[in-house]
Amino acid sequence: MAAYVLLLAHPLTLAAAGWAESPELAWQVISPLSENWPVWLGWVGLILLMLGLATTFMSRLAYGAWRWLHSLLGLGALIGFVHILQLGISAGGLLALATAMLLLLWRLLRVDLGAAAKPYIVTSVRSVAQSMVEVTLKPLGVPIDAAPGQFALTAFFRGPRYQGCGEFHPFTISGIGDGHELRIGVKALGDCTRRMQRLEPDVAARVHGPFGEFLKDVPSRPLLWVAGGIGITPFIGFLRQQAVETPTTLIYLYRGEPDAAYLDELASLAKDSPGLALQAVATGTDMPDMNRLLPEFAALANHECYVCGPPGLIAAVSQALLERSIPNERIHFEHFDFR
């Protein structure tokens, strides 16, 4: 954002240098109507950067359209690089610009094109709720060093009868097997993830990560966990790996029985773990009353609170906890959003 603001100020400062002589000269320095094509490149690069940054905040755009429009930022940076070269630059400035472009290329190759991702293969797919499957992935080489509750960028490609979209999407790790197999929960939230509901064994995949520290270093004090919908995945991943060592209340909110992923397994885990209290609530399509569902301050005074789910749920739970005088540093959240 700071770099963007400086770029917007750049043509204005160029014009200001000629303003003392005449307004006409100031306009000629930056006018896109001039016959100076390096200036045209500068304006094209700046406009692409403006469009690319604007689309970053357009959350209602379809993910595919957003992804391609967001790439205008990289194109704008490249055109801006050529613009500066045409106008002349010192050796030090050229080195700085070249470094920036190499970092941009490294980001494109390593993350967007998956050069840093590890090869995996799908070994099983099972339905855990309406429009949600849990996929088990076996490493074909060195596995990623992941822990339950973290997330990984995963792209699915092709199998005997399945052709994936090949895009990397973030999925929470819901379990880790003895052979470093990963289990991830995939909910149909867009075109690509809807196609993933038809995944089958032997589909090739690449996994990049892991990322996130949501349930890392959980303190020894009592815990409150609040999960909404697919936000249950980090908690089921944690519980599969280890038993809770402190009194833990898990409030699991879902729209209806068809959407209640892992509910039977959670009930079984709670039955076998005296320290785990499960409160499963079908909320329907409306936002539940968090003040009614959450314990009062006296019952939460020493608790560490973790929330995972849609942004609206996180905001409502966080606000209700703050109103109960829970310190902000004891409220941890992670939400599922493509951006």
C-alpha atoms as a PDB file:
ATOM      1  CA  MET A   1       0.000   0.000   0.000  1.00  0.00           C
ATOM      2  CA  ALA A   2       2.857   2.395   0.819  1.00  0.00           C
ATOM      3  CA  ALA A   3       4.494   1.640  -2.528  1.00  0.00           C
ATOM      4  CA  TYR A   4       1.170   2.196  -4.295  1.00  0.00           C
ATOM      5  CA  VAL A   5       0.680   5.599  -2.662  1.00  0.00           C
ATOM      6  CA  LEU A   6       4.212   6.618  -3.660  1.00  0.00           C
ATOM      7  CA  LEU A   7       3.488   5.553  -7.252  1.00  0.00           C
ATOM      8  CA  LEU A   8       0.397   7.750  -7.297  1.00  0.00           C
ATOM      9  CA  ALA A   9       2.490  10.657  -6.018  1.00  0.00           C
ATOM     10  CA  HIS A  10       5.234  10.043  -8.591  1.00  0.00           C
ATOM     11  CA  PRO A  11       3.613  11.812 -11.629  1.00  0.00           C
ATOM     12  CA  LEU A  12       2.460  14.642  -9.372  1.00  0.00           C
ATOM     13  CA  THR A  13       6.000  15.290  -8.133  1.00  0.00           C
ATOM     14  CA  LEU A  14       7.267  15.226 -11.729  1.00  0.00           C
ATOM     15  CA  ALA A  15       4.683  17.827 -12.675  1.00  0.00           C
ATOM     16  CA  ALA A  16       5.502  19.914  -9.612  1.00  0.00           C
ATOM     17  CA  ALA A  17       9.110  20.224 -10.819  1.00  0.00           C
ATOM     18  CA  GLY A  18       7.945  22.081 -13.942  1.00  0.00           C
ATOM     19  CA  TRP A  19       5.114  24.029 -12.314  1.00  0.00           C
ATOM     20  CA  ALA A  20       7.390  26.896 -11.238  1.00  0.00           C
ATOM     21  CA  GLU A  21       8.155  27.615 -14.884  1.00  0.00           C
ATOM     22  CA  SER A  22       4.643  27.186 -16.269  1.00  0.00           C
ATOM     23  CA  PRO A  23       1.528  24.990 -15.826  1.00  0.00           C
ATOM     24  CA  GLU A  24       1.785  24.051 -19.506  1.00  0.00           C
ATOM     25  CA  LEU A  25       5.259  22.596 -18.973  1.00  0.00           C
ATOM     26  CA  ALA A  26       4.072  20.717 -15.895  1.00  0.00           C
ATOM     27  CA  TRP A  27       1.310  19.077 -17.959  1.00  0.00           C
ATOM     28  CA  GLN A  28       3.640  18.243 -20.853  1.00  0.00           C
ATOM     29  CA  VAL A  29       5.960  16.335 -18.497  1.00  0.00           C
ATOM     30  CA  ILE A  30       3.275  13.814 -17.517  1.00  0.00           C
ATOM     31  CA  SER A  31       0.683  14.075 -20.284  1.00  0.00           C
ATOM     32  CA  PRO A  32      -0.317  10.657 -21.724  1.00  0.00           C
ATOM     33  CA  LEU A  33      -1.180  12.540 -24.946  1.00  0.00           C
ATOM     34  CA  SER A  34       2.468  13.300 -25.620  1.00  0.00           C
ATOM     35  CA  GLU A  35       4.387  11.407 -28.298  1.00  0.00           C
ATOM     36  CA  ASN A  36       6.872  10.057 -25.767  1.00  0.00           C
ATOM     37  CA  TRP A  37       6.208   6.305 -25.636  1.00  0.00           C
ATOM     38  CA  PRO A  38       8.182   5.740 -22.394  1.00  0.00           C
ATOM     39  CA  VAL A  39       5.618   8.074 -20.784  1.00  0.00           C
ATOM     40  CA  TRP A  40       2.839   5.968 -22.292  1.00  0.00           C
ATOM     41  CA  LEU A  41       4.418   2.891 -20.698  1.00  0.00           C
ATOM     42  CA  GLY A  42       4.481   4.665 -17.335  1.00  0.00           C
ATOM     43  CA  TRP A  43       0.770   5.464 -17.518  1.00  0.00           C
ATOM     44  CA  VAL A  44      -0.132   1.958 -18.694  1.00  0.00           C
ATOM     45  CA  GLY A  45       1.854   0.433 -15.840  1.00  0.00           C
ATOM     46  CA  LEU A  46       0.260   2.773 -13.295  1.00  0.00           C
ATOM     47  CA  ILE A  47      -3.276   2.075 -14.557  1.00  0.00           C
ATOM     48  CA  LEU A  48      -2.683  -1.693 -14.435  1.00  0.00           C
ATOM     49  CA  LEU A  49      -1.412  -1.386 -10.879  1.00  0.00           C
ATOM     50  CA  MET A  50      -4.490   0.670  -9.940  1.00  0.00           C
ATOM     51  CA  LEU A  51      -6.835  -1.903 -11.484  1.00  0.00           C
ATOM     52  CA  GLY A  52      -4.974  -4.838  -9.951  1.00  0.00           C
ATOM     53  CA  LEU A  53      -5.034  -3.344  -6.472  1.00  0.00           C
ATOM     54  CA  ALA A  54      -8.701  -2.348  -6.787  1.00  0.00           C
ATOM     55  CA  THR A  55      -9.701  -5.923  -7.644  1.00  0.00           C
ATOM     56  CA  THR A  56      -7.861  -7.161  -4.550  1.00  0.00           C
ATOM     57  CA  PHE A  57     -10.694  -5.768  -2.414  1.00  0.00           C
ATOM     58  CA  MET A  58     -13.588  -6.893  -4.666  1.00  0.00           C
ATOM     59  CA  SER A  59     -14.701  -9.867  -2.558  1.00  0.00           C
ATOM     60  CA  ARG A  60     -17.857 -10.453  -4.629  1.00  0.00           C
ATOM     61  CA  LEU A  61     -15.910 -11.293  -7.778  1.00  0.00           C
ATOM     62  CA  ALA A  62     -15.809 -14.955  -8.804  1.00  0.00           C
ATOM     63  CA  TYR A  63     -12.528 -16.466  -7.665  1.00  0.00           C
ATOM     64  CA  GLY A  64     -11.327 -17.259 -11.200  1.00  0.00           C
ATOM     65  CA  ALA A  65     -11.985 -13.711 -12.415  1.00  0.00           C
ATOM     66  CA  TRP A  66     -10.431 -12.238  -9.279  1.00  0.00           C
ATOM     67  CA  ARG A  67      -7.292 -14.336  -9.718  1.00  0.00           C
ATOM     68  CA  TRP A  68      -6.702 -13.197 -13.306  1.00  0.00           C
ATOM     69  CA  LEU A  69      -7.475  -9.543 -12.587  1.00  0.00           C
ATOM     70  CA  HIS A  70      -5.160  -9.645  -9.571  1.00  0.00           C
ATOM     71  CA  SER A  71      -2.339 -10.707 -11.914  1.00  0.00           C
ATOM     72  CA  LEU A  72      -2.527  -7.227 -13.449  1.00  0.00           C
ATOM     73  CA  LEU A  73      -0.335  -6.148 -10.532  1.00  0.00           C
ATOM     74  CA  GLY A  74       2.536  -8.260 -11.851  1.00  0.00           C
ATOM     75  CA  LEU A  75       2.021  -7.051 -15.419  1.00  0.00           C
ATOM     76  CA  GLY A  76       1.911  -3.446 -14.229  1.00  0.00           C
ATOM     77  CA  ALA A  77       5.184  -3.907 -12.336  1.00  0.00           C
ATOM     78  CA  LEU A  78       6.831  -5.392 -15.438  1.00  0.00           C
ATOM     79  CA  ILE A  79       5.692  -2.506 -17.684  1.00  0.00           C
ATOM     80  CA  GLY A  80       6.827  -0.033 -15.053  1.00  0.00           C
ATOM     81  CA  PHE A  81      10.248  -1.702 -15.084  1.00  0.00           C
ATOM     82  CA  VAL A  82      10.514  -1.212 -18.875  1.00  0.00           C
ATOM     83  CA  HIS A  83       9.293   2.395 -18.471  1.00  0.00           C
ATOM     84  CA  ILE A  84      12.132   3.230 -16.089  1.00  0.00           C
ATOM     85  CA  LEU A  85      14.715   1.512 -18.278  1.00  0.00           C
ATOM     86  CA  GLN A  86      13.663   3.649 -21.248  1.00  0.00           C
ATOM     87  CA  LEU A  87      13.999   6.865 -19.265  1.00  0.00           C
ATOM     88  CA  GLY A  88      17.471   5.996 -17.982  1.00  0.00           C
ATOM     89  CA  ILE A  89      18.510   4.802 -14.541  1.00  0.00           C
ATOM     90  CA  SER A  90      21.652   4.576 -12.440  1.00  0.00           C
ATOM     91  CA  ALA A  91      23.472   1.280 -11.880  1.00  0.00           C
ATOM     92  CA  GLY A  92      22.276   1.113  -8.265  1.00  0.00           C
ATOM     93  CA  GLY A  93      18.682   1.731  -9.246  1.00  0.00           C
ATOM     94  CA  LEU A  94      18.904  -0.847 -12.007  1.00  0.00           C
ATOM     95  CA  LEU A  95      20.187  -3.430  -9.503  1.00  0.00           C
ATOM     96  CA  ALA A  96      17.294  -2.666  -7.129  1.00  0.00           C
ATOM     97  CA  LEU A  97      14.729  -2.971  -9.932  1.00  0.00           C
ATOM     98  CA  ALA A  98      16.277  -6.186 -11.228  1.00  0.00           C
ATOM     99  CA  THR A  99      16.135  -7.640  -7.710  1.00  0.00           C
ATOM    100  CA  ALA A 100      12.461  -6.724  -7.434  1.00  0.00           C
ATOM    101  CA  MET A 101      11.654  -8.388 -10.760  1.00  0.00           C
ATOM    102  CA  LEU A 102      13.563 -11.538  -9.784  1.00  0.00           C
ATOM    103  CA  LEU A 103      11.572 -11.716  -6.533  1.00  0.00           C
ATOM    104  CA  LEU A 104       8.355 -11.355  -8.524  1.00  0.00           C
ATOM    105  CA  LEU A 105       9.464 -14.164 -10.852  1.00  0.00           C
ATOM    106  CA  TRP A 106      10.454 -16.317  -7.855  1.00  0.00           C
ATOM    107  CA  ARG A 107       6.995 -15.779  -6.343  1.00  0.00           C
ATOM    108  CA  LEU A 108       5.340 -16.763  -9.633  1.00  0.00           C
ATOM    109  CA  LEU A 109       7.383 -19.932 -10.067  1.00  0.00           C
ATOM    110  CA  ARG A 110       7.508 -21.055  -6.439  1.00  0.00           C
ATOM    111  CA  VAL A 111       3.919 -20.431  -5.357  1.00  0.00           C
ATOM    112  CA  ASP A 112       1.611 -19.781  -8.315  1.00  0.00           C
ATOM    113  CA  LEU A 113       3.138 -22.453 -10.561  1.00  0.00           C
ATOM    114  CA  GLY A 114       3.917 -24.805  -7.669  1.00  0.00           C
ATOM    115  CA  ALA A 115       7.680 -25.229  -8.067  1.00  0.00           C
ATOM    116  CA  ALA A 116       8.009 -25.615  -4.276  1.00  0.00           C
ATOM    117  CA  ALA A 117       5.108 -28.067  -3.961  1.00  0.00           C
ATOM    118  CA  LYS A 118       5.577 -31.764  -3.132  1.00  0.00           C
ATOM    119  CA  PRO A 119       4.062 -34.577  -5.225  1.00  0.00           C
ATOM    120  CA  TYR A 120       1.213 -36.546  -3.638  1.00  0.00           C
ATOM    121  CA  ILE A 121      -1.455 -38.952  -4.861  1.00  0.00           C
ATOM    122  CA  VAL A 122      -5.044 -39.375  -3.706  1.00  0.00           C
ATOM    123  CA  THR A 123      -5.603 -42.725  -1.945  1.00  0.00           C
ATOM    124  CA  SER A 124      -9.192 -42.294  -0.729  1.00  0.00           C
ATOM    125  CA  VAL A 125     -12.119 -39.894  -0.818  1.00  0.00           C
ATOM    126  CA  ARG A 126     -15.116 -40.033   1.514  1.00  0.00           C
ATOM    127  CA  SER A 127     -18.123 -37.822   2.004  1.00  0.00           C
ATOM    128  CA  VAL A 128     -18.277 -36.272   5.478  1.00  0.00           C
ATOM    129  CA  ALA A 129     -21.184 -33.867   4.935  1.00  0.00           C
ATOM    130  CA  GLN A 130     -23.349 -32.386   2.237  1.00  0.00           C
ATOM    131  CA  SER A 131     -21.022 -30.914  -0.441  1.00  0.00           C
ATOM    132  CA  MET A 132     -17.930 -31.777   1.579  1.00  0.00           C
ATOM    133  CA  VAL A 133     -15.423 -34.603   1.208  1.00  0.00           C
ATOM    134  CA  GLU A 134     -12.334 -35.642   3.127  1.00  0.00           C
ATOM    135  CA  VAL A 135      -9.412 -36.514   0.865  1.00  0.00           C
ATOM    136  CA  THR A 136      -6.467 -38.668   1.929  1.00  0.00           C
ATOM    137  CA  LEU A 137      -3.170 -37.892   0.172  1.00  0.00           C
ATOM    138  CA  LYS A 138      -0.079 -40.108   0.165  1.00  0.00           C
ATOM    139  CA  PRO A 139       3.360 -38.519  -0.390  1.00  0.00           C
ATOM    140  CA  LEU A 140       5.335 -39.754  -3.398  1.00  0.00           C
ATOM    141  CA  GLY A 141       8.591 -38.331  -2.070  1.00  0.00           C
ATOM    142  CA  VAL A 142       9.633 -36.214   0.880  1.00  0.00           C
ATOM    143  CA  PRO A 143       6.415 -35.184   2.701  1.00  0.00           C
ATOM    144  CA  ILE A 144       5.653 -31.719   3.972  1.00  0.00           C
ATOM    145  CA  ASP A 145       6.310 -31.228   7.690  1.00  0.00           C
ATOM    146  CA  ALA A 146       2.726 -30.523   8.744  1.00  0.00           C
ATOM    147  CA  ALA A 147       0.743 -30.560  11.964  1.00  0.00           C
ATOM    148  CA  PRO A 148      -3.032 -30.941  12.379  1.00  0.00           C
ATOM    149  CA  GLY A 149      -4.789 -27.593  12.259  1.00  0.00           C
ATOM    150  CA  GLN A 150      -2.347 -26.090   9.778  1.00  0.00           C
ATOM    151  CA  PHE A 151      -3.328 -25.628   6.157  1.00  0.00           C
ATOM    152  CA  ALA A 152      -1.638 -26.423   2.866  1.00  0.00           C
ATOM    153  CA  LEU A 153      -2.035 -25.122  -0.680  1.00  0.00           C
ATOM    154  CA  THR A 154      -3.130 -28.115  -2.752  1.00  0.00           C
ATOM    155  CA  ALA A 155      -3.759 -28.553  -6.470  1.00  0.00           C
ATOM    156  CA  PHE A 156      -5.380 -31.634  -8.010  1.00  0.00           C
ATOM    157  CA  PHE A 157      -4.571 -32.645 -11.555  1.00  0.00           C
ATOM    158  CA  ARG A 158      -5.665 -35.830 -13.306  1.00  0.00           C
ATOM    159  CA  GLY A 159      -6.505 -39.460 -12.628  1.00  0.00           C
ATOM    160  CA  PRO A 160      -8.068 -42.352 -14.509  1.00  0.00           C
ATOM    161  CA  ARG A 161     -11.409 -40.565 -14.902  1.00  0.00           C
ATOM    162  CA  TYR A 162     -10.846 -37.183 -13.250  1.00  0.00           C
ATOM    163  CA  GLN A 163      -9.403 -34.007 -14.716  1.00  0.00           C
ATOM    164  CA  GLY A 164      -8.662 -31.398 -12.066  1.00  0.00           C
ATOM    165  CA  CYS A 165      -8.481 -27.651 -12.526  1.00  0.00           C
ATOM    166  CA  GLY A 166      -4.835 -27.556 -11.397  1.00  0.00           C
ATOM    167  CA  GLU A 167      -5.294 -24.466  -9.203  1.00  0.00           C
ATOM    168  CA  PHE A 168      -3.773 -24.238  -5.737  1.00  0.00           C
ATOM    169  CA  HIS A 169      -6.369 -23.743  -2.997  1.00  0.00           C
ATOM    170  CA  PRO A 170      -5.903 -23.605   0.798  1.00  0.00           C
ATOM    171  CA  PHE A 171      -7.234 -26.642   2.685  1.00  0.00           C
ATOM    172  CA  THR A 172      -6.977 -27.331   6.397  1.00  0.00           C
ATOM    173  CA  ILE A 173      -5.219 -30.542   7.429  1.00  0.00           C
ATOM    174  CA  SER A 174      -7.785 -32.667   9.270  1.00  0.00           C
ATOM    175  CA  GLY A 175      -5.479 -35.584  10.027  1.00  0.00           C
ATOM    176  CA  ILE A 176      -2.000 -37.066   9.550  1.00  0.00           C
ATOM    177  CA  GLY A 177      -1.362 -40.807   9.133  1.00  0.00           C
ATOM    178  CA  ASP A 178       1.572 -42.926  10.296  1.00  0.00           C
ATOM    179  CA  GLY A 179       3.053 -42.825   6.787  1.00  0.00           C
ATOM    180  CA  HIS A 180       2.744 -39.013   6.626  1.00  0.00           C
ATOM    181  CA  GLU A 181      -0.536 -39.281   4.714  1.00  0.00           C
ATOM    182  CA  LEU A 182      -2.514 -36.045   4.849  1.00  0.00           C
ATOM    183  CA  ARG A 183      -6.250 -35.771   5.251  1.00  0.00           C
ATOM    184  CA  ILE A 184      -7.866 -32.534   4.146  1.00  0.00           C
ATOM    185  CA  GLY A 185     -11.465 -31.343   4.174  1.00  0.00           C
ATOM    186  CA  VAL A 186     -12.756 -29.955   0.865  1.00  0.00           C
ATOM    187  CA  LYS A 187     -16.067 -28.082   0.812  1.00  0.00           C
ATOM    188  CA  ALA A 188     -17.751 -27.000  -2.410  1.00  0.00           C
ATOM    189  CA  LEU A 189     -17.326 -23.212  -2.321  1.00  0.00           C
ATOM    190  CA  GLY A 190     -16.635 -22.489  -6.002  1.00  0.00           C
ATOM    191  CA  ASP A 191     -16.298 -24.052  -9.431  1.00  0.00           C
ATOM    192  CA  CYS A 192     -13.005 -25.801  -8.710  1.00  0.00           C
ATOM    193  CA  THR A 193     -13.944 -27.122  -5.261  1.00  0.00           C
ATOM    194  CA  ARG A 194     -17.310 -28.313  -6.586  1.00  0.00           C
ATOM    195  CA  ARG A 195     -15.419 -30.390  -9.133  1.00  0.00           C
ATOM    196  CA  MET A 196     -13.276 -31.777  -6.305  1.00  0.00           C
ATOM    197  CA  GLN A 197     -16.369 -33.422  -4.804  1.00  0.00           C
ATOM    198  CA  ARG A 198     -15.913 -36.006  -7.595  1.00  0.00           C
ATOM    199  CA  LEU A 199     -12.281 -36.736  -6.734  1.00  0.00           C
ATOM    200  CA  GLU A 200     -11.191 -40.379  -6.915  1.00  0.00           C
ATOM    201  CA  PRO A 201      -8.162 -42.456  -5.910  1.00  0.00           C
ATOM    202  CA  ASP A 202      -4.999 -42.236  -8.038  1.00  0.00           C
ATOM    203  CA  VAL A 203      -5.505 -38.545  -8.882  1.00  0.00           C
ATOM    204  CA  ALA A 204      -2.157 -36.716  -8.940  1.00  0.00           C
ATOM    205  CA  ALA A 205      -1.785 -33.745  -6.589  1.00  0.00           C
ATOM    206  CA  ARG A 206       0.833 -31.270  -5.452  1.00  0.00           C
ATOM    207  CA  VAL A 207       0.962 -29.868  -1.916  1.00  0.00           C
ATOM    208  CA  HIS A 208       2.712 -26.663  -0.837  1.00  0.00           C
ATOM    209  CA  GLY A 209       3.146 -25.723   2.799  1.00  0.00           C
ATOM    210  CA  PRO A 210       2.332 -26.074   5.572  1.00  0.00           C
ATOM    211  CA  PHE A 211       1.117 -22.680   6.758  1.00  0.00           C
ATOM    212  CA  GLY A 212      -0.598 -21.296   9.841  1.00  0.00           C
ATOM    213  CA  GLU A 213      -0.173 -21.578  13.598  1.00  0.00           C
ATOM    214  CA  PHE A 214      -3.820 -21.663  14.674  1.00  0.00           C
ATOM    215  CA  LEU A 215      -3.596 -24.537  17.207  1.00  0.00           C
ATOM    216  CA  LYS A 216       0.166 -24.507  17.660  1.00  0.00           C
ATOM    217  CA  ASP A 217       1.452 -24.264  21.247  1.00  0.00           C
ATOM    218  CA  VAL A 218      -1.986 -24.496  22.859  1.00  0.00           C
ATOM    219  CA  PRO A 219      -1.598 -23.260  26.464  1.00  0.00           C
ATOM    220  CA  SER A 220      -2.334 -25.410  29.494  1.00  0.00           C
ATOM    221  CA  ARG A 221      -5.276 -23.289  30.686  1.00  0.00           C
ATOM    222  CA  PRO A 222      -8.931 -24.289  29.950  1.00  0.00           C
ATOM    223  CA  LEU A 223     -10.020 -23.920  26.323  1.00  0.00           C
ATOM    224  CA  LEU A 224     -13.103 -22.694  24.491  1.00  0.00           C
ATOM    225  CA  TRP A 225     -13.341 -23.798  20.873  1.00  0.00           C
ATOM    226  CA  VAL A 226     -16.044 -22.409  18.566  1.00  0.00           C
ATOM    227  CA  ALA A 227     -16.362 -23.911  15.076  1.00  0.00           C
ATOM    228  CA  GLY A 228     -18.752 -22.974  12.295  1.00  0.00           C
ATOM    229  CA  GLY A 229     -19.331 -25.304   9.333  1.00  0.00           C
ATOM    230  CA  ILE A 230     -16.065 -26.312   7.685  1.00  0.00           C
ATOM    231  CA  GLY A 231     -14.301 -24.472  10.516  1.00  0.00           C
ATOM    232  CA  ILE A 232     -14.469 -27.762  12.435  1.00  0.00           C
ATOM    233  CA  THR A 233     -11.547 -29.193  10.418  1.00  0.00           C
ATOM    234  CA  PRO A 234      -8.625 -27.828  12.486  1.00  0.00           C
ATOM    235  CA  PHE A 235     -10.288 -29.020  15.699  1.00  0.00           C
ATOM    236  CA  ILE A 236     -10.995 -32.547  14.436  1.00  0.00           C
ATOM    237  CA  GLY A 237      -7.405 -32.680  13.203  1.00  0.00           C
ATOM    238  CA  PHE A 238      -6.107 -31.745  16.652  1.00  0.00           C
ATOM    239  CA  LEU A 239      -8.360 -34.241  18.453  1.00  0.00           C
ATOM    240  CA  ARG A 240      -7.404 -37.085  16.125  1.00  0.00           C
ATOM    241  CA  GLN A 241      -3.740 -36.506  16.862  1.00  0.00           C
ATOM    242  CA  GLN A 242      -3.894 -36.129  20.639  1.00  0.00           C
ATOM    243  CA  ALA A 243      -6.270 -36.002  23.574  1.00  0.00           C
ATOM    244  CA  VAL A 244      -6.985 -32.620  25.148  1.00  0.00           C
ATOM    245  CA  GLU A 245      -5.050 -32.234  28.391  1.00  0.00           C
ATOM    246  CA  THR A 246      -7.102 -29.391  29.857  1.00  0.00           C
ATOM    247  CA  PRO A 247     -10.887 -28.895  30.215  1.00  0.00           C
ATOM    248  CA  THR A 248     -12.098 -28.009  26.707  1.00  0.00           C
ATOM    249  CA  THR A 249     -15.534 -26.894  25.523  1.00  0.00           C
ATOM    250  CA  LEU A 250     -16.194 -27.318  21.797  1.00  0.00           C
ATOM    251  CA  ILE A 251     -19.212 -25.454  20.412  1.00  0.00           C
ATOM    252  CA  TYR A 252     -19.889 -26.771  16.913  1.00  0.00           C
ATOM    253  CA  LEU A 253     -22.384 -24.777  14.842  1.00  0.00           C
ATOM    254  CA  TYR A 254     -23.830 -26.105  11.588  1.00  0.00           C
ATOM    255  CA  ARG A 255     -26.904 -25.329   9.505  1.00  0.00           C
ATOM    256  CA  GLY A 256     -28.542 -28.741   9.657  1.00  0.00           C
ATOM    257  CA  GLU A 257     -27.805 -32.443  10.002  1.00  0.00           C
ATOM    258  CA  PRO A 258     -26.670 -32.840   6.356  1.00  0.00           C
ATOM    259  CA  ASP A 259     -24.009 -30.150   6.974  1.00  0.00           C
ATOM    260  CA  ALA A 260     -22.696 -31.595  10.249  1.00  0.00           C
ATOM    261  CA  ALA A 261     -19.264 -32.893   9.210  1.00  0.00           C
ATOM    262  CA  TYR A 262     -17.556 -35.364  11.568  1.00  0.00           C
ATOM    263  CA  LEU A 263     -20.411 -35.139  14.112  1.00  0.00           C
ATOM    264  CA  ASP A 264     -20.479 -38.864  14.941  1.00  0.00           C
ATOM    265  CA  GLU A 265     -16.696 -38.960  15.303  1.00  0.00           C
ATOM    266  CA  LEU A 266     -16.739 -35.870  17.516  1.00  0.00           C
ATOM    267  CA  ALA A 267     -19.398 -37.440  19.743  1.00  0.00           C
ATOM    268  CA  SER A 268     -17.252 -40.571  20.061  1.00  0.00           C
ATOM    269  CA  LEU A 269     -14.141 -38.529  20.890  1.00  0.00           C
ATOM    270  CA  ALA A 270     -16.042 -36.563  23.532  1.00  0.00           C
ATOM    271  CA  LYS A 271     -17.344 -39.801  25.056  1.00  0.00           C
ATOM    272  CA  ASP A 272     -13.814 -41.203  25.361  1.00  0.00           C
ATOM    273  CA  SER A 273     -12.288 -37.951  26.616  1.00  0.00           C
ATOM    274  CA  PRO A 274     -13.648 -36.714  29.973  1.00  0.00           C
ATOM    275  CA  GLY A 275     -11.999 -33.330  29.473  1.00  0.00           C
ATOM    276  CA  LEU A 276     -13.849 -32.615  26.219  1.00  0.00           C
ATOM    277  CA  ALA A 277     -17.400 -31.211  26.338  1.00  0.00           C
ATOM    278  CA  LEU A 278     -19.139 -31.128  22.945  1.00  0.00           C
ATOM    279  CA  GLN A 279     -22.037 -28.759  22.298  1.00  0.00           C
ATOM    280  CA  ALA A 280     -23.389 -29.355  18.784  1.00  0.00           C
ATOM    281  CA  VAL A 281     -25.997 -26.828  17.615  1.00  0.00           C
ATOM    282  CA  ALA A 282     -28.023 -26.781  14.384  1.00  0.00           C
ATOM    283  CA  THR A 283     -28.506 -23.072  13.650  1.00  0.00           C
ATOM    284  CA  GLY A 284     -30.445 -23.081  10.372  1.00  0.00           C
ATOM    285  CA  THR A 285     -29.604 -20.335   7.896  1.00  0.00           C
ATOM    286  CA  ASP A 286     -29.613 -17.465  10.422  1.00  0.00           C
ATOM    287  CA  MET A 287     -26.704 -16.269  12.540  1.00  0.00           C
ATOM    288  CA  PRO A 288     -27.133 -17.759  16.031  1.00  0.00           C
ATOM    289  CA  ASP A 289     -27.369 -15.638  19.163  1.00  0.00           C
ATOM    290  CA  MET A 290     -23.829 -15.905  20.469  1.00  0.00           C
ATOM    291  CA  ASN A 291     -24.678 -14.211  23.751  1.00  0.00           C
ATOM    292  CA  ARG A 292     -27.032 -17.113  24.477  1.00  0.00           C
ATOM    293  CA  LEU A 293     -24.649 -19.837  23.348  1.00  0.00           C
ATOM    294  CA  LEU A 294     -21.420 -18.632  24.932  1.00  0.00           C
ATOM    295  CA  PRO A 295     -20.714 -19.056  28.661  1.00  0.00           C
ATOM    296  CA  GLU A 296     -20.749 -15.974  30.849  1.00  0.00           C
ATOM    297  CA  PHE A 297     -17.578 -14.183  31.929  1.00  0.00           C
ATOM    298  CA  ALA A 298     -17.242 -16.083  35.239  1.00  0.00           C
ATOM    299  CA  ALA A 299     -17.086 -19.389  33.350  1.00  0.00           C
ATOM    300  CA  LEU A 300     -14.571 -18.019  30.810  1.00  0.00           C
ATOM    301  CA  ALA A 301     -12.294 -16.002  33.068  1.00  0.00           C
ATOM    302  CA  ASN A 302      -9.262 -18.290  32.673  1.00  0.00           C
ATOM    303  CA  HIS A 303     -10.017 -19.650  29.199  1.00  0.00           C
ATOM    304  CA  GLU A 304      -8.078 -19.386  25.961  1.00  0.00           C
ATOM    305  CA  CYS A 305     -10.598 -18.970  23.108  1.00  0.00           C
ATOM    306  CA  TYR A 306     -10.235 -20.287  19.549  1.00  0.00           C
ATOM    307  CA  VAL A 307     -12.726 -19.530  16.768  1.00  0.00           C
ATOM    308  CA  CYS A 308     -12.780 -20.905  13.222  1.00  0.00           C
ATOM    309  CA  GLY A 309     -15.450 -20.490  10.562  1.00  0.00           C
ATOM    310  CA  PRO A 310     -16.977 -17.903   8.223  1.00  0.00           C
ATOM    311  CA  PRO A 311     -15.956 -14.241   8.742  1.00  0.00           C
ATOM    312  CA  GLY A 312     -19.419 -13.287  10.053  1.00  0.00           C
ATOM    313  CA  LEU A 313     -19.274 -15.945  12.758  1.00  0.00           C
ATOM    314  CA  ILE A 314     -15.763 -14.960  13.801  1.00  0.00           C
ATOM    315  CA  ALA A 315     -16.828 -11.325  14.117  1.00  0.00           C
ATOM    316  CA  ALA A 316     -19.919 -12.222  16.188  1.00  0.00           C
ATOM    317  CA  VAL A 317     -18.034 -14.576  18.529  1.00  0.00           C
ATOM    318  CA  SER A 318     -15.104 -12.184  18.959  1.00  0.00           C
ATOM    319  CA  GLN A 319     -17.467  -9.315  19.794  1.00  0.00           C
ATOM    320  CA  ALA A 320     -19.373 -11.433  22.338  1.00  0.00           C
ATOM    321  CA  LEU A 321     -16.123 -12.505  23.986  1.00  0.00           C
ATOM    322  CA  LEU A 322     -14.833  -8.938  24.165  1.00  0.00           C
ATOM    323  CA  GLU A 323     -18.122  -7.895  25.772  1.00  0.00           C
ATOM    324  CA  ARG A 324     -17.421 -10.558  28.405  1.00  0.00           C
ATOM    325  CA  SER A 325     -14.098  -8.811  29.103  1.00  0.00           C
ATOM    326  CA  ILE A 326     -11.999 -11.581  27.575  1.00  0.00           C
ATOM    327  CA  PRO A 327      -8.625  -9.982  26.673  1.00  0.00           C
ATOM    328  CA  ASN A 328      -8.016  -9.637  22.956  1.00  0.00           C
ATOM    329  CA  GLU A 329      -4.743 -11.606  23.203  1.00  0.00           C
ATOM    330  CA  ARG A 330      -6.706 -14.654  24.410  1.00  0.00           C
ATOM    331  CA  ILE A 331      -8.997 -14.689  21.351  1.00  0.00           C
ATOM    332  CA  HIS A 332      -7.497 -16.604  18.410  1.00  0.00           C
ATOM    333  CA  PHE A 333      -9.203 -17.070  15.081  1.00  0.00           C
ATOM    334  CA  GLU A 334      -8.685 -18.347  11.585  1.00  0.00           C
ATOM    335  CA  HIS A 335     -11.293 -18.019   8.869  1.00  0.00           C
ATOM    336  CA  PHE A 336     -11.702 -19.665   5.498  1.00  0.00           C
ATOM    337  CA  ASP A 337     -11.502 -17.086   2.761  1.00  0.00           C
ATOM    338  CA  PHE A 338      -9.784 -17.263  -0.630  1.00  0.00           C
ATOM    339  CA  ARG A 339      -8.306 -13.780  -0.126  1.00  0.00           C
END
